[in-house]
Amino acid sequence: MTQQVAELEAYRVGARALAARILSAQEAERVRVSRELHDDTGQALTLLLVRLQLVENMSSESEVRRELAELRALVGETLDGVRRLAVHLGPSMLEDLGLGPGLEWLADRVHAETGITVDLRLDCECAHVSPEIRLAIFRVGQEALTNVVRHSGAKRVTMRLAHADAGLELSVDDDGHGFDVDAARARPTSSVGLFGMQERLALVGGELEIRSRVGGGTQVRAKVPIREEALT
Protein backbone atom coordinates (compact mmCIF):
# COMPACT_ATOMS: atom_id res chain seq x y z
CA MET A 1 0.00 0.00 0.00
CA THR A 2 2.82 2.35 0.90
CA GLN A 3 4.45 1.71 -2.48
CA GLN A 4 1.20 2.48 -4.29
CA VAL A 5 0.84 5.76 -2.38
CA ALA A 6 4.42 6.67 -3.23
CA GLU A 7 3.86 5.86 -6.91
CA LEU A 8 0.66 7.91 -6.94
CA GLU A 9 2.43 10.87 -5.36
CA ALA A 10 5.29 10.57 -7.85
CA TYR A 11 2.75 10.56 -10.68
CA ARG A 12 1.06 13.67 -9.30
CA VAL A 13 4.40 15.46 -8.98
CA GLY A 14 5.30 14.50 -12.54
CA ALA A 15 1.90 15.64 -13.83
CA ARG A 16 2.25 19.01 -12.10
CA ALA A 17 5.75 19.45 -13.51
CA LEU A 18 4.49 18.55 -16.99
CA ALA A 19 1.62 21.02 -16.75
CA ALA A 20 3.98 23.75 -15.55
CA ARG A 21 6.33 23.18 -18.49
CA ILE A 22 3.44 23.24 -20.97
CA LEU A 23 2.13 26.50 -19.53
CA SER A 24 5.64 27.96 -19.59
CA ALA A 25 6.07 27.03 -23.25
CA GLN A 26 2.67 28.48 -24.13
CA GLU A 27 3.40 31.72 -22.31
CA ALA A 28 6.78 32.02 -24.01
CA GLU A 29 5.05 31.65 -27.37
CA ARG A 30 2.49 34.33 -26.48
CA VAL A 31 5.27 36.71 -25.46
CA ARG A 32 7.12 36.05 -28.72
CA VAL A 33 4.02 36.72 -30.83
CA SER A 34 3.18 39.85 -28.83
CA ARG A 35 6.71 41.18 -29.24
CA GLU A 36 6.69 40.52 -32.98
CA LEU A 37 3.34 42.27 -33.39
CA HIS A 38 4.57 45.28 -31.41
CA ASP A 39 8.09 45.55 -32.76
CA ASP A 40 7.47 44.74 -36.41
CA THR A 41 3.83 45.13 -37.41
CA GLY A 42 2.97 47.88 -34.91
CA GLN A 43 5.97 50.02 -35.75
CA ALA A 44 5.43 49.58 -39.49
CA LEU A 45 1.82 50.71 -39.23
CA THR A 46 2.82 53.68 -37.09
CA LEU A 47 5.37 54.69 -39.71
CA LEU A 48 2.70 54.42 -42.40
CA LEU A 49 0.45 56.82 -40.50
CA VAL A 50 3.25 59.36 -40.06
CA ARG A 51 4.26 59.26 -43.70
CA LEU A 52 0.67 59.50 -44.92
CA GLN A 53 0.33 62.69 -42.90
CA LEU A 54 3.42 64.01 -44.66
CA VAL A 55 1.89 63.20 -48.04
CA GLU A 56 -1.14 65.32 -47.18
CA ASN A 57 1.14 68.36 -46.87
CA MET A 58 3.11 67.81 -50.09
CA SER A 59 2.48 70.22 -52.91
CA SER A 60 4.67 68.65 -55.59
CA GLU A 61 3.04 65.89 -57.63
CA SER A 62 6.41 64.20 -58.21
CA GLU A 63 7.09 64.13 -54.46
CA VAL A 64 3.66 62.62 -53.80
CA ARG A 65 4.20 59.89 -56.40
CA ARG A 66 7.65 59.05 -55.04
CA GLU A 67 6.36 58.87 -51.47
CA LEU A 68 3.37 56.75 -52.49
CA ALA A 69 5.68 54.28 -54.24
CA GLU A 70 7.73 53.92 -51.07
CA LEU A 71 4.57 53.53 -49.00
CA ARG A 72 3.33 50.75 -51.30
CA ALA A 73 6.61 48.92 -50.73
CA LEU A 74 6.28 49.37 -46.97
CA VAL A 75 2.72 48.05 -47.04
CA GLY A 76 3.93 45.01 -48.98
CA GLU A 77 6.68 44.31 -46.43
CA THR A 78 4.23 44.68 -43.56
CA LEU A 79 1.77 42.33 -45.24
CA ASP A 80 4.51 39.74 -45.73
CA GLY A 81 5.32 39.98 -42.04
CA VAL A 82 1.69 39.45 -41.05
CA ARG A 83 1.47 36.45 -43.37
CA ARG A 84 4.62 34.92 -41.87
CA LEU A 85 3.18 35.33 -38.41
CA ALA A 86 -0.15 33.85 -39.50
CA VAL A 87 1.58 30.82 -41.01
CA HIS A 88 3.58 30.33 -37.83
CA LEU A 89 0.41 30.37 -35.74
CA GLY A 90 -1.71 28.26 -38.07
CA PRO A 91 -0.20 26.92 -41.32
CA SER A 92 -3.28 26.80 -43.58
CA MET A 93 -1.09 25.48 -46.39
CA LEU A 94 -1.15 22.06 -44.73
CA GLU A 95 -4.89 21.87 -45.41
CA ASP A 96 -4.69 23.48 -48.83
CA LEU A 97 -1.56 21.85 -50.27
CA GLY A 98 -0.39 19.08 -47.94
CA LEU A 99 2.60 18.23 -45.78
CA GLY A 100 5.20 18.15 -48.55
CA PRO A 101 4.57 21.71 -49.78
CA GLY A 102 4.45 22.87 -46.16
CA LEU A 103 7.93 21.49 -45.55
CA GLU A 104 9.10 23.00 -48.85
CA TRP A 105 7.88 26.39 -47.64
CA LEU A 106 9.84 25.96 -44.40
CA ALA A 107 13.00 25.00 -46.27
CA ASP A 108 12.69 27.91 -48.71
CA ARG A 109 12.02 30.38 -45.90
CA VAL A 110 15.08 29.32 -43.90
CA HIS A 111 17.32 29.57 -46.95
CA ALA A 112 15.91 32.96 -47.99
CA GLU A 113 16.22 34.48 -44.52
CA THR A 114 19.53 32.95 -43.38
CA GLY A 115 21.42 31.63 -46.40
CA ILE A 116 21.54 28.14 -44.85
CA THR A 117 21.12 25.47 -47.52
CA VAL A 118 18.22 23.12 -46.75
CA ASP A 119 18.24 19.96 -48.88
CA LEU A 120 14.66 18.66 -48.70
CA ARG A 121 13.94 15.09 -49.81
CA LEU A 122 10.31 14.04 -50.01
CA ASP A 123 10.17 10.25 -50.36
CA CYS A 124 6.54 10.09 -49.22
CA GLU A 125 3.66 12.23 -50.47
CA CYS A 126 1.44 11.09 -47.57
CA ALA A 127 -1.71 12.54 -49.11
CA HIS A 128 -4.03 10.78 -46.67
CA VAL A 129 -2.23 11.52 -43.40
CA SER A 130 -4.55 12.92 -40.74
CA PRO A 131 -4.52 16.67 -40.02
CA GLU A 132 -3.20 16.00 -36.52
CA ILE A 133 -0.19 14.09 -37.81
CA ARG A 134 0.46 16.62 -40.57
CA LEU A 135 0.53 19.43 -38.04
CA ALA A 136 2.72 17.50 -35.59
CA ILE A 137 5.31 16.68 -38.27
CA PHE A 138 5.25 20.22 -39.63
CA ARG A 139 5.77 21.75 -36.17
CA VAL A 140 8.63 19.39 -35.37
CA GLY A 141 10.31 20.34 -38.65
CA GLN A 142 9.70 24.01 -37.90
CA GLU A 143 11.17 23.76 -34.40
CA ALA A 144 14.14 21.70 -35.60
CA LEU A 145 14.99 24.29 -38.27
CA THR A 146 14.51 27.12 -35.77
CA ASN A 147 17.04 25.44 -33.48
CA VAL A 148 19.45 25.06 -36.38
CA VAL A 149 19.20 28.77 -37.19
CA ARG A 150 19.50 29.94 -33.59
CA HIS A 151 22.05 27.61 -32.11
CA SER A 152 23.91 25.31 -34.51
CA GLY A 153 26.07 27.52 -36.69
CA ALA A 154 25.27 25.09 -39.51
CA LYS A 155 25.72 25.89 -43.18
CA ARG A 156 23.76 22.94 -44.54
CA VAL A 157 20.73 20.93 -43.42
CA THR A 158 19.24 17.77 -44.86
CA MET A 159 15.53 17.27 -44.20
CA ARG A 160 13.85 14.04 -45.31
CA LEU A 161 10.28 12.76 -45.12
CA ALA A 162 9.99 9.02 -45.73
CA HIS A 163 8.37 5.70 -44.84
CA ALA A 164 9.94 3.96 -41.84
CA ASP A 165 8.87 0.90 -39.86
CA ALA A 166 5.17 0.98 -40.84
CA GLY A 167 5.09 4.68 -40.16
CA LEU A 168 6.31 8.08 -41.15
CA GLU A 169 9.70 9.57 -40.31
CA LEU A 170 10.93 13.13 -40.56
CA SER A 171 14.68 13.54 -40.18
CA VAL A 172 16.57 16.82 -39.86
CA ASP A 173 20.38 16.60 -39.95
CA ASP A 174 22.71 19.58 -39.77
CA ASP A 175 26.47 20.11 -40.04
CA GLY A 176 26.64 22.51 -37.09
CA HIS A 177 28.76 22.43 -33.97
CA GLY A 178 26.39 20.13 -32.05
CA PHE A 179 25.58 20.13 -28.35
CA ASP A 180 25.33 17.97 -25.22
CA VAL A 181 21.76 16.62 -25.38
CA ASP A 182 21.57 15.56 -21.72
CA ALA A 183 22.87 18.92 -20.52
CA ALA A 184 20.37 20.76 -22.73
CA ARG A 185 17.46 18.71 -21.40
CA ALA A 186 18.48 19.61 -17.86
CA ARG A 187 18.26 23.37 -18.53
CA PRO A 188 14.66 24.64 -18.45
CA THR A 189 15.38 27.55 -20.77
CA SER A 190 16.90 25.38 -23.48
CA SER A 191 14.69 22.31 -23.07
CA VAL A 192 11.34 23.96 -23.88
CA GLY A 193 11.76 23.41 -27.63
CA LEU A 194 12.84 19.80 -27.18
CA PHE A 195 9.98 19.19 -24.77
CA GLY A 196 7.49 20.77 -27.17
CA MET A 197 8.56 18.48 -30.01
CA GLN A 198 8.29 15.41 -27.78
CA GLU A 199 4.82 16.38 -26.57
CA ARG A 200 3.50 17.08 -30.05
CA LEU A 201 4.64 13.68 -31.24
CA ALA A 202 3.34 11.91 -28.14
CA LEU A 203 -0.16 13.24 -28.86
CA VAL A 204 -0.17 11.32 -32.17
CA GLY A 205 1.61 8.25 -30.82
CA GLY A 206 5.02 9.28 -32.13
CA GLU A 207 8.52 9.43 -30.72
CA LEU A 208 11.42 11.86 -30.92
CA GLU A 209 15.08 10.90 -31.09
CA ILE A 210 17.89 13.44 -30.96
CA ARG A 211 21.53 12.59 -31.46
CA SER A 212 24.27 15.17 -31.19
CA ARG A 213 27.78 15.70 -29.96
CA VAL A 214 29.88 18.80 -29.65
CA GLY A 215 31.60 19.39 -32.98
CA GLY A 216 29.65 16.62 -34.70
CA GLY A 217 26.37 18.15 -35.83
CA THR A 218 22.85 17.16 -34.79
CA GLN A 219 20.37 14.56 -36.01
CA VAL A 220 16.64 14.82 -35.20
CA ARG A 221 14.30 11.89 -35.91
CA ALA A 222 10.53 12.15 -35.54
CA LYS A 223 8.68 8.83 -36.01
CA VAL A 224 4.90 8.41 -36.15
CA PRO A 225 3.08 5.09 -36.62
CA ILE A 226 0.51 5.36 -39.36
CA ARG A 227 -1.90 3.29 -41.41
CA GLU A 228 -0.34 1.83 -44.54
CA GLU A 229 -2.94 3.37 -46.86
CA ALA A 230 -2.07 6.82 -45.60
CA LEU A 231 1.51 6.50 -46.82
CA THR A 232 0.58 6.39 -50.50
C-alpha atoms as a PDB file:
ATOM      1  CA  MET A   1       0.000   0.000   0.000  1.00  0.00           C
ATOM      2  CA  THR A   2       2.819   2.353   0.896  1.00  0.00           C
ATOM      3  CA  GLN A   3       4.447   1.712  -2.476  1.00  0.00           C
ATOM      4  CA  GLN A   4       1.196   2.483  -4.289  1.00  0.00           C
ATOM      5  CA  VAL A   5       0.845   5.764  -2.379  1.00  0.00           C
ATOM      6  CA  ALA A   6       4.420   6.674  -3.230  1.00  0.00           C
ATOM      7  CA  GLU A   7       3.861   5.858  -6.911  1.00  0.00           C
ATOM      8  CA  LEU A   8       0.662   7.911  -6.944  1.00  0.00           C
ATOM      9  CA  GLU A   9       2.429  10.868  -5.365  1.00  0.00           C
ATOM     10  CA  ALA A  10       5.285  10.570  -7.852  1.00  0.00           C
ATOM     11  CA  TYR A  11       2.745  10.557 -10.675  1.00  0.00           C
ATOM     12  CA  ARG A  12       1.065  13.675  -9.302  1.00  0.00           C
ATOM     13  CA  VAL A  13       4.401  15.460  -8.980  1.00  0.00           C
ATOM     14  CA  GLY A  14       5.301  14.503 -12.537  1.00  0.00           C
ATOM     15  CA  ALA A  15       1.901  15.637 -13.831  1.00  0.00           C
ATOM     16  CA  ARG A  16       2.247  19.009 -12.104  1.00  0.00           C
ATOM     17  CA  ALA A  17       5.746  19.454 -13.515  1.00  0.00           C
ATOM     18  CA  LEU A  18       4.490  18.546 -16.987  1.00  0.00           C
ATOM     19  CA  ALA A  19       1.618  21.018 -16.752  1.00  0.00           C
ATOM     20  CA  ALA A  20       3.981  23.747 -15.551  1.00  0.00           C
ATOM     21  CA  ARG A  21       6.333  23.185 -18.489  1.00  0.00           C
ATOM     22  CA  ILE A  22       3.444  23.237 -20.974  1.00  0.00           C
ATOM     23  CA  LEU A  23       2.133  26.496 -19.529  1.00  0.00           C
ATOM     24  CA  SER A  24       5.636  27.960 -19.588  1.00  0.00           C
ATOM     25  CA  ALA A  25       6.070  27.027 -23.246  1.00  0.00           C
ATOM     26  CA  GLN A  26       2.670  28.479 -24.132  1.00  0.00           C
ATOM     27  CA  GLU A  27       3.397  31.715 -22.306  1.00  0.00           C
ATOM     28  CA  ALA A  28       6.785  32.024 -24.011  1.00  0.00           C
ATOM     29  CA  GLU A  29       5.048  31.655 -27.374  1.00  0.00           C
ATOM     30  CA  ARG A  30       2.489  34.330 -26.483  1.00  0.00           C
ATOM     31  CA  VAL A  31       5.267  36.706 -25.458  1.00  0.00           C
ATOM     32  CA  ARG A  32       7.121  36.052 -28.723  1.00  0.00           C
ATOM     33  CA  VAL A  33       4.019  36.721 -30.832  1.00  0.00           C
ATOM     34  CA  SER A  34       3.184  39.853 -28.833  1.00  0.00           C
ATOM     35  CA  ARG A  35       6.713  41.182 -29.240  1.00  0.00           C
ATOM     36  CA  GLU A  36       6.693  40.521 -32.975  1.00  0.00           C
ATOM     37  CA  LEU A  37       3.342  42.274 -33.391  1.00  0.00           C
ATOM     38  CA  HIS A  38       4.573  45.276 -31.410  1.00  0.00           C
ATOM     39  CA  ASP A  39       8.094  45.549 -32.763  1.00  0.00           C
ATOM     40  CA  ASP A  40       7.469  44.743 -36.410  1.00  0.00           C
ATOM     41  CA  THR A  41       3.835  45.134 -37.408  1.00  0.00           C
ATOM     42  CA  GLY A  42       2.971  47.878 -34.914  1.00  0.00           C
ATOM     43  CA  GLN A  43       5.972  50.024 -35.753  1.00  0.00           C
ATOM     44  CA  ALA A  44       5.433  49.579 -39.489  1.00  0.00           C
ATOM     45  CA  LEU A  45       1.819  50.713 -39.231  1.00  0.00           C
ATOM     46  CA  THR A  46       2.824  53.683 -37.086  1.00  0.00           C
ATOM     47  CA  LEU A  47       5.367  54.687 -39.711  1.00  0.00           C
ATOM     48  CA  LEU A  48       2.696  54.420 -42.399  1.00  0.00           C
ATOM     49  CA  LEU A  49       0.449  56.822 -40.504  1.00  0.00           C
ATOM     50  CA  VAL A  50       3.251  59.362 -40.060  1.00  0.00           C
ATOM     51  CA  ARG A  51       4.262  59.256 -43.699  1.00  0.00           C
ATOM     52  CA  LEU A  52       0.665  59.495 -44.915  1.00  0.00           C
ATOM     53  CA  GLN A  53       0.331  62.689 -42.904  1.00  0.00           C
ATOM     54  CA  LEU A  54       3.422  64.006 -44.664  1.00  0.00           C
ATOM     55  CA  VAL A  55       1.892  63.195 -48.044  1.00  0.00           C
ATOM     56  CA  GLU A  56      -1.142  65.315 -47.176  1.00  0.00           C
ATOM     57  CA  ASN A  57       1.136  68.363 -46.865  1.00  0.00           C
ATOM     58  CA  MET A  58       3.107  67.810 -50.092  1.00  0.00           C
ATOM     59  CA  SER A  59       2.477  70.218 -52.909  1.00  0.00           C
ATOM     60  CA  SER A  60       4.673  68.648 -55.590  1.00  0.00           C
ATOM     61  CA  GLU A  61       3.039  65.891 -57.632  1.00  0.00           C
ATOM     62  CA  SER A  62       6.411  64.202 -58.206  1.00  0.00           C
ATOM     63  CA  GLU A  63       7.085  64.129 -54.461  1.00  0.00           C
ATOM     64  CA  VAL A  64       3.664  62.615 -53.797  1.00  0.00           C
ATOM     65  CA  ARG A  65       4.200  59.886 -56.397  1.00  0.00           C
ATOM     66  CA  ARG A  66       7.654  59.046 -55.040  1.00  0.00           C
ATOM     67  CA  GLU A  67       6.356  58.873 -51.468  1.00  0.00           C
ATOM     68  CA  LEU A  68       3.366  56.746 -52.494  1.00  0.00           C
ATOM     69  CA  ALA A  69       5.683  54.278 -54.244  1.00  0.00           C
ATOM     70  CA  GLU A  70       7.726  53.922 -51.067  1.00  0.00           C
ATOM     71  CA  LEU A  71       4.574  53.526 -49.005  1.00  0.00           C
ATOM     72  CA  ARG A  72       3.333  50.751 -51.297  1.00  0.00           C
ATOM     73  CA  ALA A  73       6.611  48.917 -50.726  1.00  0.00           C
ATOM     74  CA  LEU A  74       6.284  49.372 -46.969  1.00  0.00           C
ATOM     75  CA  VAL A  75       2.719  48.052 -47.042  1.00  0.00           C
ATOM     76  CA  GLY A  76       3.934  45.007 -48.976  1.00  0.00           C
ATOM     77  CA  GLU A  77       6.682  44.307 -46.434  1.00  0.00           C
ATOM     78  CA  THR A  78       4.226  44.684 -43.559  1.00  0.00           C
ATOM     79  CA  LEU A  79       1.765  42.329 -45.239  1.00  0.00           C
ATOM     80  CA  ASP A  80       4.512  39.737 -45.734  1.00  0.00           C
ATOM     81  CA  GLY A  81       5.325  39.977 -42.039  1.00  0.00           C
ATOM     82  CA  VAL A  82       1.688  39.452 -41.052  1.00  0.00           C
ATOM     83  CA  ARG A  83       1.469  36.451 -43.371  1.00  0.00           C
ATOM     84  CA  ARG A  84       4.623  34.919 -41.872  1.00  0.00           C
ATOM     85  CA  LEU A  85       3.178  35.328 -38.407  1.00  0.00           C
ATOM     86  CA  ALA A  86      -0.155  33.850 -39.497  1.00  0.00           C
ATOM     87  CA  VAL A  87       1.577  30.824 -41.007  1.00  0.00           C
ATOM     88  CA  HIS A  88       3.579  30.325 -37.833  1.00  0.00           C
ATOM     89  CA  LEU A  89       0.409  30.373 -35.736  1.00  0.00           C
ATOM     90  CA  GLY A  90      -1.711  28.259 -38.069  1.00  0.00           C
ATOM     91  CA  PRO A  91      -0.199  26.923 -41.318  1.00  0.00           C
ATOM     92  CA  SER A  92      -3.283  26.799 -43.575  1.00  0.00           C
ATOM     93  CA  MET A  93      -1.086  25.477 -46.393  1.00  0.00           C
ATOM     94  CA  LEU A  94      -1.155  22.061 -44.731  1.00  0.00           C
ATOM     95  CA  GLU A  95      -4.886  21.871 -45.405  1.00  0.00           C
ATOM     96  CA  ASP A  96      -4.688  23.484 -48.834  1.00  0.00           C
ATOM     97  CA  LEU A  97      -1.559  21.854 -50.270  1.00  0.00           C
ATOM     98  CA  GLY A  98      -0.386  19.081 -47.938  1.00  0.00           C
ATOM     99  CA  LEU A  99       2.598  18.230 -45.776  1.00  0.00           C
ATOM    100  CA  GLY A 100       5.199  18.151 -48.554  1.00  0.00           C
ATOM    101  CA  PRO A 101       4.565  21.714 -49.782  1.00  0.00           C
ATOM    102  CA  GLY A 102       4.446  22.869 -46.161  1.00  0.00           C
ATOM    103  CA  LEU A 103       7.932  21.489 -45.551  1.00  0.00           C
ATOM    104  CA  GLU A 104       9.098  22.999 -48.851  1.00  0.00           C
ATOM    105  CA  TRP A 105       7.878  26.393 -47.636  1.00  0.00           C
ATOM    106  CA  LEU A 106       9.836  25.955 -44.399  1.00  0.00           C
ATOM    107  CA  ALA A 107      13.002  25.003 -46.268  1.00  0.00           C
ATOM    108  CA  ASP A 108      12.693  27.915 -48.713  1.00  0.00           C
ATOM    109  CA  ARG A 109      12.018  30.378 -45.900  1.00  0.00           C
ATOM    110  CA  VAL A 110      15.081  29.317 -43.900  1.00  0.00           C
ATOM    111  CA  HIS A 111      17.317  29.571 -46.950  1.00  0.00           C
ATOM    112  CA  ALA A 112      15.912  32.959 -47.994  1.00  0.00           C
ATOM    113  CA  GLU A 113      16.221  34.481 -44.523  1.00  0.00           C
ATOM    114  CA  THR A 114      19.532  32.952 -43.377  1.00  0.00           C
ATOM    115  CA  GLY A 115      21.415  31.627 -46.399  1.00  0.00           C
ATOM    116  CA  ILE A 116      21.536  28.141 -44.846  1.00  0.00           C
ATOM    117  CA  THR A 117      21.121  25.472 -47.517  1.00  0.00           C
ATOM    118  CA  VAL A 118      18.216  23.120 -46.754  1.00  0.00           C
ATOM    119  CA  ASP A 119      18.240  19.965 -48.878  1.00  0.00           C
ATOM    120  CA  LEU A 120      14.660  18.662 -48.702  1.00  0.00           C
ATOM    121  CA  ARG A 121      13.941  15.091 -49.810  1.00  0.00           C
ATOM    122  CA  LEU A 122      10.310  14.044 -50.006  1.00  0.00           C
ATOM    123  CA  ASP A 123      10.166  10.255 -50.359  1.00  0.00           C
ATOM    124  CA  CYS A 124       6.537  10.094 -49.216  1.00  0.00           C
ATOM    125  CA  GLU A 125       3.655  12.228 -50.466  1.00  0.00           C
ATOM    126  CA  CYS A 126       1.441  11.091 -47.571  1.00  0.00           C
ATOM    127  CA  ALA A 127      -1.708  12.538 -49.107  1.00  0.00           C
ATOM    128  CA  HIS A 128      -4.030  10.779 -46.666  1.00  0.00           C
ATOM    129  CA  VAL A 129      -2.233  11.520 -43.404  1.00  0.00           C
ATOM    130  CA  SER A 130      -4.549  12.920 -40.740  1.00  0.00           C
ATOM    131  CA  PRO A 131      -4.519  16.675 -40.024  1.00  0.00           C
ATOM    132  CA  GLU A 132      -3.197  15.997 -36.521  1.00  0.00           C
ATOM    133  CA  ILE A 133      -0.193  14.088 -37.814  1.00  0.00           C
ATOM    134  CA  ARG A 134       0.462  16.622 -40.575  1.00  0.00           C
ATOM    135  CA  LEU A 135       0.532  19.433 -38.041  1.00  0.00           C
ATOM    136  CA  ALA A 136       2.723  17.503 -35.589  1.00  0.00           C
ATOM    137  CA  ILE A 137       5.307  16.680 -38.267  1.00  0.00           C
ATOM    138  CA  PHE A 138       5.249  20.222 -39.627  1.00  0.00           C
ATOM    139  CA  ARG A 139       5.765  21.754 -36.171  1.00  0.00           C
ATOM    140  CA  VAL A 140       8.632  19.394 -35.371  1.00  0.00           C
ATOM    141  CA  GLY A 141      10.309  20.335 -38.645  1.00  0.00           C
ATOM    142  CA  GLN A 142       9.696  24.007 -37.901  1.00  0.00           C
ATOM    143  CA  GLU A 143      11.174  23.761 -34.396  1.00  0.00           C
ATOM    144  CA  ALA A 144      14.139  21.704 -35.595  1.00  0.00           C
ATOM    145  CA  LEU A 145      14.988  24.294 -38.267  1.00  0.00           C
ATOM    146  CA  THR A 146      14.507  27.120 -35.767  1.00  0.00           C
ATOM    147  CA  ASN A 147      17.038  25.442 -33.478  1.00  0.00           C
ATOM    148  CA  VAL A 148      19.453  25.057 -36.384  1.00  0.00           C
ATOM    149  CA  VAL A 149      19.205  28.765 -37.189  1.00  0.00           C
ATOM    150  CA  ARG A 150      19.497  29.942 -33.588  1.00  0.00           C
ATOM    151  CA  HIS A 151      22.055  27.606 -32.112  1.00  0.00           C
ATOM    152  CA  SER A 152      23.905  25.311 -34.506  1.00  0.00           C
ATOM    153  CA  GLY A 153      26.071  27.518 -36.689  1.00  0.00           C
ATOM    154  CA  ALA A 154      25.269  25.090 -39.511  1.00  0.00           C
ATOM    155  CA  LYS A 155      25.716  25.893 -43.182  1.00  0.00           C
ATOM    156  CA  ARG A 156      23.756  22.942 -44.545  1.00  0.00           C
ATOM    157  CA  VAL A 157      20.734  20.932 -43.420  1.00  0.00           C
ATOM    158  CA  THR A 158      19.236  17.767 -44.861  1.00  0.00           C
ATOM    159  CA  MET A 159      15.530  17.273 -44.198  1.00  0.00           C
ATOM    160  CA  ARG A 160      13.854  14.044 -45.312  1.00  0.00           C
ATOM    161  CA  LEU A 161      10.283  12.757 -45.115  1.00  0.00           C
ATOM    162  CA  ALA A 162       9.991   9.020 -45.727  1.00  0.00           C
ATOM    163  CA  HIS A 163       8.366   5.702 -44.841  1.00  0.00           C
ATOM    164  CA  ALA A 164       9.943   3.964 -41.842  1.00  0.00           C
ATOM    165  CA  ASP A 165       8.865   0.899 -39.856  1.00  0.00           C
ATOM    166  CA  ALA A 166       5.170   0.979 -40.836  1.00  0.00           C
ATOM    167  CA  GLY A 167       5.094   4.677 -40.162  1.00  0.00           C
ATOM    168  CA  LEU A 168       6.307   8.085 -41.149  1.00  0.00           C
ATOM    169  CA  GLU A 169       9.696   9.566 -40.309  1.00  0.00           C
ATOM    170  CA  LEU A 170      10.929  13.131 -40.556  1.00  0.00           C
ATOM    171  CA  SER A 171      14.679  13.539 -40.183  1.00  0.00           C
ATOM    172  CA  VAL A 172      16.570  16.816 -39.863  1.00  0.00           C
ATOM    173  CA  ASP A 173      20.378  16.596 -39.952  1.00  0.00           C
ATOM    174  CA  ASP A 174      22.706  19.582 -39.771  1.00  0.00           C
ATOM    175  CA  ASP A 175      26.470  20.109 -40.037  1.00  0.00           C
ATOM    176  CA  GLY A 176      26.642  22.508 -37.094  1.00  0.00           C
ATOM    177  CA  HIS A 177      28.764  22.433 -33.966  1.00  0.00           C
ATOM    178  CA  GLY A 178      26.392  20.127 -32.053  1.00  0.00           C
ATOM    179  CA  PHE A 179      25.584  20.131 -28.346  1.00  0.00           C
ATOM    180  CA  ASP A 180      25.329  17.975 -25.222  1.00  0.00           C
ATOM    181  CA  VAL A 181      21.760  16.618 -25.376  1.00  0.00           C
ATOM    182  CA  ASP A 182      21.572  15.564 -21.716  1.00  0.00           C
ATOM    183  CA  ALA A 183      22.873  18.921 -20.521  1.00  0.00           C
ATOM    184  CA  ALA A 184      20.374  20.755 -22.735  1.00  0.00           C
ATOM    185  CA  ARG A 185      17.457  18.711 -21.400  1.00  0.00           C
ATOM    186  CA  ALA A 186      18.480  19.610 -17.856  1.00  0.00           C
ATOM    187  CA  ARG A 187      18.264  23.365 -18.532  1.00  0.00           C
ATOM    188  CA  PRO A 188      14.660  24.643 -18.452  1.00  0.00           C
ATOM    189  CA  THR A 189      15.383  27.550 -20.774  1.00  0.00           C
ATOM    190  CA  SER A 190      16.904  25.380 -23.477  1.00  0.00           C
ATOM    191  CA  SER A 191      14.686  22.313 -23.072  1.00  0.00           C
ATOM    192  CA  VAL A 192      11.338  23.957 -23.878  1.00  0.00           C
ATOM    193  CA  GLY A 193      11.763  23.412 -27.628  1.00  0.00           C
ATOM    194  CA  LEU A 194      12.835  19.797 -27.180  1.00  0.00           C
ATOM    195  CA  PHE A 195       9.981  19.193 -24.770  1.00  0.00           C
ATOM    196  CA  GLY A 196       7.493  20.768 -27.171  1.00  0.00           C
ATOM    197  CA  MET A 197       8.555  18.481 -30.009  1.00  0.00           C
ATOM    198  CA  GLN A 198       8.290  15.415 -27.777  1.00  0.00           C
ATOM    199  CA  GLU A 199       4.816  16.380 -26.568  1.00  0.00           C
ATOM    200  CA  ARG A 200       3.500  17.083 -30.054  1.00  0.00           C
ATOM    201  CA  LEU A 201       4.642  13.677 -31.239  1.00  0.00           C
ATOM    202  CA  ALA A 202       3.339  11.913 -28.136  1.00  0.00           C
ATOM    203  CA  LEU A 203      -0.155  13.245 -28.861  1.00  0.00           C
ATOM    204  CA  VAL A 204      -0.171  11.320 -32.170  1.00  0.00           C
ATOM    205  CA  GLY A 205       1.614   8.247 -30.819  1.00  0.00           C
ATOM    206  CA  GLY A 206       5.016   9.284 -32.127  1.00  0.00           C
ATOM    207  CA  GLU A 207       8.524   9.432 -30.717  1.00  0.00           C
ATOM    208  CA  LEU A 208      11.421  11.858 -30.922  1.00  0.00           C
ATOM    209  CA  GLU A 209      15.083  10.902 -31.090  1.00  0.00           C
ATOM    210  CA  ILE A 210      17.893  13.440 -30.956  1.00  0.00           C
ATOM    211  CA  ARG A 211      21.534  12.589 -31.458  1.00  0.00           C
ATOM    212  CA  SER A 212      24.268  15.173 -31.194  1.00  0.00           C
ATOM    213  CA  ARG A 213      27.779  15.702 -29.963  1.00  0.00           C
ATOM    214  CA  VAL A 214      29.876  18.798 -29.647  1.00  0.00           C
ATOM    215  CA  GLY A 215      31.601  19.385 -32.979  1.00  0.00           C
ATOM    216  CA  GLY A 216      29.647  16.624 -34.703  1.00  0.00           C
ATOM    217  CA  GLY A 217      26.367  18.151 -35.829  1.00  0.00           C
ATOM    218  CA  THR A 218      22.849  17.163 -34.789  1.00  0.00           C
ATOM    219  CA  GLN A 219      20.365  14.557 -36.014  1.00  0.00           C
ATOM    220  CA  VAL A 220      16.645  14.819 -35.196  1.00  0.00           C
ATOM    221  CA  ARG A 221      14.301  11.895 -35.914  1.00  0.00           C
ATOM    222  CA  ALA A 222      10.529  12.147 -35.543  1.00  0.00           C
ATOM    223  CA  LYS A 223       8.682   8.832 -36.013  1.00  0.00           C
ATOM    224  CA  VAL A 224       4.901   8.412 -36.154  1.00  0.00           C
ATOM    225  CA  PRO A 225       3.084   5.095 -36.615  1.00  0.00           C
ATOM    226  CA  ILE A 226       0.508   5.358 -39.361  1.00  0.00           C
ATOM    227  CA  ARG A 227      -1.895   3.285 -41.411  1.00  0.00           C
ATOM    228  CA  GLU A 228      -0.344   1.827 -44.544  1.00  0.00           C
ATOM    229  CA  GLU A 229      -2.937   3.365 -46.864  1.00  0.00           C
ATOM    230  CA  ALA A 230      -2.070   6.818 -45.602  1.00  0.00           C
ATOM    231  CA  LEU A 231       1.507   6.501 -46.824  1.00  0.00           C
ATOM    232  CA  THR A 232       0.576   6.386 -50.503  1.00  0.00           C
END
